[in-house]
């Protein structure tokens, strides 16, 4: 289960995070896998984090700030590989190995934002999960 960060390489902790947000962000950054909240909690127990709500609150705040994304189909979280928050999130999800890759699709984002605006709807987030087989699993 690998998260392909699109070649973003080593990333530094975003500025202005609380202690718990930093711990959760670092846990996600340290692994290659999309992680569920309880997997994050298990990895943070040695660092003094014992309450599930501590992890859930940090995940909520990190997601609101645009530093991470939730993969709904897996109920797991990955780092955002964009420079700043964005409303339309697009992911390739391998159904065989659970590899997740975030894509930047400017034309799709523009189309969705335009359609939503024309509908007089107040959008918070649009998340598109494209499921199939990654290059390695398709071979």
C-alpha atoms as a PDB file:
ATOM      1  CA  UNK A   1       0.000   0.000   0.000  1.00  0.00           C
ATOM      2  CA  UNK A   2       2.077   2.933  -1.149  1.00  0.00           C
ATOM      3  CA  UNK A   3       1.204   6.582  -1.427  1.00  0.00           C
ATOM      4  CA  UNK A   4       2.838   8.004  -4.514  1.00  0.00           C
ATOM      5  CA  UNK A   5       3.435  11.620  -3.672  1.00  0.00           C
ATOM      6  CA  UNK A   6       4.137  12.465  -7.287  1.00  0.00           C
ATOM      7  CA  UNK A   7       7.863  12.862  -6.716  1.00  0.00           C
ATOM      8  CA  UNK A   8       7.517  15.532  -4.040  1.00  0.00           C
ATOM      9  CA  UNK A   9      10.529  14.062  -2.201  1.00  0.00           C
ATOM     10  CA  UNK A  10      11.333  14.858   1.410  1.00  0.00           C
ATOM     11  CA  UNK A  11       8.905  17.371   2.831  1.00  0.00           C
ATOM     12  CA  UNK A  12       9.260  19.674   5.778  1.00  0.00           C
ATOM     13  CA  UNK A  13       6.601  20.032   8.433  1.00  0.00           C
ATOM     14  CA  UNK A  14       4.215  22.871   7.555  1.00  0.00           C
ATOM     15  CA  UNK A  15       4.540  25.968   9.721  1.00  0.00           C
ATOM     16  CA  UNK A  16       2.031  26.770  12.435  1.00  0.00           C
ATOM     17  CA  UNK A  17       0.988  23.248  13.414  1.00  0.00           C
ATOM     18  CA  UNK A  18       0.151  22.269  16.976  1.00  0.00           C
ATOM     19  CA  UNK A  19       2.178  19.542  18.689  1.00  0.00           C
ATOM     20  CA  UNK A  20      -0.442  16.868  17.924  1.00  0.00           C
ATOM     21  CA  UNK A  21      -0.893  18.038  14.327  1.00  0.00           C
ATOM     22  CA  UNK A  22       2.881  17.834  13.864  1.00  0.00           C
ATOM     23  CA  UNK A  23       2.990  14.299  15.295  1.00  0.00           C
ATOM     24  CA  UNK A  24       0.193  13.126  12.986  1.00  0.00           C
ATOM     25  CA  UNK A  25       1.697  14.892   9.944  1.00  0.00           C
ATOM     26  CA  UNK A  26       5.128  13.368  10.642  1.00  0.00           C
ATOM     27  CA  UNK A  27       3.559   9.908  11.004  1.00  0.00           C
ATOM     28  CA  UNK A  28       1.898  10.208   7.606  1.00  0.00           C
ATOM     29  CA  UNK A  29       5.100  11.606   6.066  1.00  0.00           C
ATOM     30  CA  UNK A  30       7.235   8.785   7.497  1.00  0.00           C
ATOM     31  CA  UNK A  31       5.338   6.012   5.761  1.00  0.00           C
ATOM     32  CA  UNK A  32       4.497   5.094   2.211  1.00  0.00           C
ATOM     33  CA  UNK A  33       1.024   3.867   3.075  1.00  0.00           C
ATOM     34  CA  UNK A  34      -2.267   5.691   3.419  1.00  0.00           C
ATOM     35  CA  UNK A  35      -3.028   5.331   7.141  1.00  0.00           C
ATOM     36  CA  UNK A  36      -6.249   4.926   9.080  1.00  0.00           C
ATOM     37  CA  UNK A  37      -6.731   6.911  12.284  1.00  0.00           C
ATOM     38  CA  UNK A  38      -6.143   3.892  14.536  1.00  0.00           C
ATOM     39  CA  UNK A  39      -2.969   2.994  12.622  1.00  0.00           C
ATOM     40  CA  UNK A  40      -1.722   6.519  13.296  1.00  0.00           C
ATOM     41  CA  UNK A  41      -2.667   6.152  16.966  1.00  0.00           C
ATOM     42  CA  UNK A  42      -0.745   2.864  17.193  1.00  0.00           C
ATOM     43  CA  UNK A  43       2.361   4.540  15.764  1.00  0.00           C
ATOM     44  CA  UNK A  44       2.061   7.466  18.192  1.00  0.00           C
ATOM     45  CA  UNK A  45       1.546   5.532  21.438  1.00  0.00           C
ATOM     46  CA  UNK A  46       5.302   5.559  22.129  1.00  0.00           C
ATOM     47  CA  UNK A  47       5.209   9.344  21.813  1.00  0.00           C
ATOM     48  CA  UNK A  48       2.506   9.738  24.470  1.00  0.00           C
ATOM     49  CA  UNK A  49      -0.613   9.890  22.286  1.00  0.00           C
ATOM     50  CA  UNK A  50      -3.137   7.446  23.713  1.00  0.00           C
ATOM     51  CA  UNK A  51      -6.595   8.906  22.996  1.00  0.00           C
ATOM     52  CA  UNK A  52      -8.267   8.309  19.626  1.00  0.00           C
ATOM     53  CA  UNK A  53      -9.929  11.739  19.810  1.00  0.00           C
ATOM     54  CA  UNK A  54      -6.492  13.370  19.904  1.00  0.00           C
ATOM     55  CA  UNK A  55      -5.693  11.814  16.528  1.00  0.00           C
ATOM     56  CA  UNK A  56      -9.154  12.528  15.074  1.00  0.00           C
ATOM     57  CA  UNK A  57      -8.965  16.210  16.089  1.00  0.00           C
ATOM     58  CA  UNK A  58      -5.487  16.575  14.584  1.00  0.00           C
ATOM     59  CA  UNK A  59      -6.627  14.866  11.368  1.00  0.00           C
ATOM     60  CA  UNK A  60      -9.640  17.204  11.145  1.00  0.00           C
ATOM     61  CA  UNK A  61      -7.501  20.304  11.578  1.00  0.00           C
ATOM     62  CA  UNK A  62      -4.828  19.090   9.137  1.00  0.00           C
ATOM     63  CA  UNK A  63      -7.507  18.333   6.558  1.00  0.00           C
ATOM     64  CA  UNK A  64      -9.154  21.754   7.020  1.00  0.00           C
ATOM     65  CA  UNK A  65      -5.755  23.420   6.582  1.00  0.00           C
ATOM     66  CA  UNK A  66      -5.202  21.474   3.349  1.00  0.00           C
ATOM     67  CA  UNK A  67      -2.134  19.534   4.512  1.00  0.00           C
ATOM     68  CA  UNK A  68      -3.715  16.069   4.242  1.00  0.00           C
ATOM     69  CA  UNK A  69      -6.583  14.372   2.429  1.00  0.00           C
ATOM     70  CA  UNK A  70      -8.934  11.575   3.353  1.00  0.00           C
ATOM     71  CA  UNK A  71      -9.319   8.728   0.900  1.00  0.00           C
ATOM     72  CA  UNK A  72     -12.983   7.952   1.530  1.00  0.00           C
ATOM     73  CA  UNK A  73     -12.984   4.514  -0.102  1.00  0.00           C
ATOM     74  CA  UNK A  74     -10.181   3.365   2.216  1.00  0.00           C
ATOM     75  CA  UNK A  75     -11.105   5.473   5.255  1.00  0.00           C
ATOM     76  CA  UNK A  76      -7.429   6.450   5.351  1.00  0.00           C
ATOM     77  CA  UNK A  77      -5.346   9.617   5.112  1.00  0.00           C
ATOM     78  CA  UNK A  78      -2.475  10.800   2.902  1.00  0.00           C
ATOM     79  CA  UNK A  79      -0.369  13.954   2.705  1.00  0.00           C
ATOM     80  CA  UNK A  80      -1.375  16.549   0.160  1.00  0.00           C
ATOM     81  CA  UNK A  81       1.255  16.914  -2.551  1.00  0.00           C
ATOM     82  CA  UNK A  82       0.179  20.435  -3.585  1.00  0.00           C
ATOM     83  CA  UNK A  83       1.612  23.680  -2.279  1.00  0.00           C
ATOM     84  CA  UNK A  84      -1.634  24.943  -0.780  1.00  0.00           C
ATOM     85  CA  UNK A  85      -5.224  24.015  -0.041  1.00  0.00           C
ATOM     86  CA  UNK A  86      -7.414  23.163  -3.018  1.00  0.00           C
ATOM     87  CA  UNK A  87     -11.104  22.419  -3.323  1.00  0.00           C
ATOM     88  CA  UNK A  88     -10.981  19.632  -5.908  1.00  0.00           C
ATOM     89  CA  UNK A  89      -8.943  16.573  -4.980  1.00  0.00           C
ATOM     90  CA  UNK A  90      -8.301  13.773  -7.479  1.00  0.00           C
ATOM     91  CA  UNK A  91      -6.731  10.412  -6.624  1.00  0.00           C
ATOM     92  CA  UNK A  92      -5.756   7.263  -8.483  1.00  0.00           C
ATOM     93  CA  UNK A  93      -6.432   4.301  -6.157  1.00  0.00           C
ATOM     94  CA  UNK A  94      -5.087   0.854  -7.053  1.00  0.00           C
ATOM     95  CA  UNK A  95      -7.621  -1.779  -6.063  1.00  0.00           C
ATOM     96  CA  UNK A  96      -4.902  -4.445  -5.936  1.00  0.00           C
ATOM     97  CA  UNK A  97      -2.076  -2.934  -3.856  1.00  0.00           C
ATOM     98  CA  UNK A  98      -3.890   0.149  -2.452  1.00  0.00           C
ATOM     99  CA  UNK A  99      -1.328   2.516  -4.005  1.00  0.00           C
ATOM    100  CA  UNK A 100      -2.679   6.078  -3.894  1.00  0.00           C
ATOM    101  CA  UNK A 101      -1.490   8.884  -6.133  1.00  0.00           C
ATOM    102  CA  UNK A 102      -2.835  12.428  -6.013  1.00  0.00           C
ATOM    103  CA  UNK A 103      -3.219  14.153  -9.355  1.00  0.00           C
ATOM    104  CA  UNK A 104      -3.405  17.837 -10.140  1.00  0.00           C
ATOM    105  CA  UNK A 105      -6.126  18.232 -12.754  1.00  0.00           C
ATOM    106  CA  UNK A 106      -6.601  21.929 -13.415  1.00  0.00           C
ATOM    107  CA  UNK A 107      -9.194  21.454 -16.206  1.00  0.00           C
ATOM    108  CA  UNK A 108     -11.314  19.108 -14.070  1.00  0.00           C
ATOM    109  CA  UNK A 109     -11.131  21.509 -11.138  1.00  0.00           C
ATOM    110  CA  UNK A 110     -12.156  24.458 -13.339  1.00  0.00           C
ATOM    111  CA  UNK A 111     -15.088  22.490 -14.771  1.00  0.00           C
ATOM    112  CA  UNK A 112     -16.342  21.389 -11.375  1.00  0.00           C
ATOM    113  CA  UNK A 113     -15.995  24.859  -9.856  1.00  0.00           C
ATOM    114  CA  UNK A 114     -17.847  26.427 -12.797  1.00  0.00           C
ATOM    115  CA  UNK A 115     -20.706  23.898 -12.618  1.00  0.00           C
ATOM    116  CA  UNK A 116     -21.014  24.330  -8.853  1.00  0.00           C
ATOM    117  CA  UNK A 117     -21.009  28.124  -9.150  1.00  0.00           C
ATOM    118  CA  UNK A 118     -23.764  27.982 -11.803  1.00  0.00           C
ATOM    119  CA  UNK A 119     -25.817  25.823  -9.432  1.00  0.00           C
ATOM    120  CA  UNK A 120     -25.565  28.430  -6.661  1.00  0.00           C
ATOM    121  CA  UNK A 121     -24.115  25.785  -4.372  1.00  0.00           C
ATOM    122  CA  UNK A 122     -21.578  26.468  -1.610  1.00  0.00           C
ATOM    123  CA  UNK A 123     -18.935  23.754  -2.091  1.00  0.00           C
ATOM    124  CA  UNK A 124     -16.478  22.752   0.626  1.00  0.00           C
ATOM    125  CA  UNK A 125     -14.610  19.973  -1.174  1.00  0.00           C
ATOM    126  CA  UNK A 126     -14.934  17.681  -4.177  1.00  0.00           C
ATOM    127  CA  UNK A 127     -13.044  14.421  -3.988  1.00  0.00           C
ATOM    128  CA  UNK A 128     -12.680  12.149  -7.013  1.00  0.00           C
ATOM    129  CA  UNK A 129     -11.275   8.662  -6.461  1.00  0.00           C
ATOM    130  CA  UNK A 130     -10.426   6.878  -9.693  1.00  0.00           C
ATOM    131  CA  UNK A 131     -10.143   3.156  -8.990  1.00  0.00           C
ATOM    132  CA  UNK A 132      -8.276   0.646 -11.097  1.00  0.00           C
ATOM    133  CA  UNK A 133      -4.793  -0.858 -11.347  1.00  0.00           C
ATOM    134  CA  UNK A 134      -1.479   0.956 -10.946  1.00  0.00           C
ATOM    135  CA  UNK A 135       1.290   0.371 -13.504  1.00  0.00           C
ATOM    136  CA  UNK A 136       2.968  -2.329 -11.373  1.00  0.00           C
ATOM    137  CA  UNK A 137      -0.252  -4.288 -10.759  1.00  0.00           C
ATOM    138  CA  UNK A 138      -1.472  -3.929 -14.345  1.00  0.00           C
ATOM    139  CA  UNK A 139       1.766  -5.484 -15.691  1.00  0.00           C
END
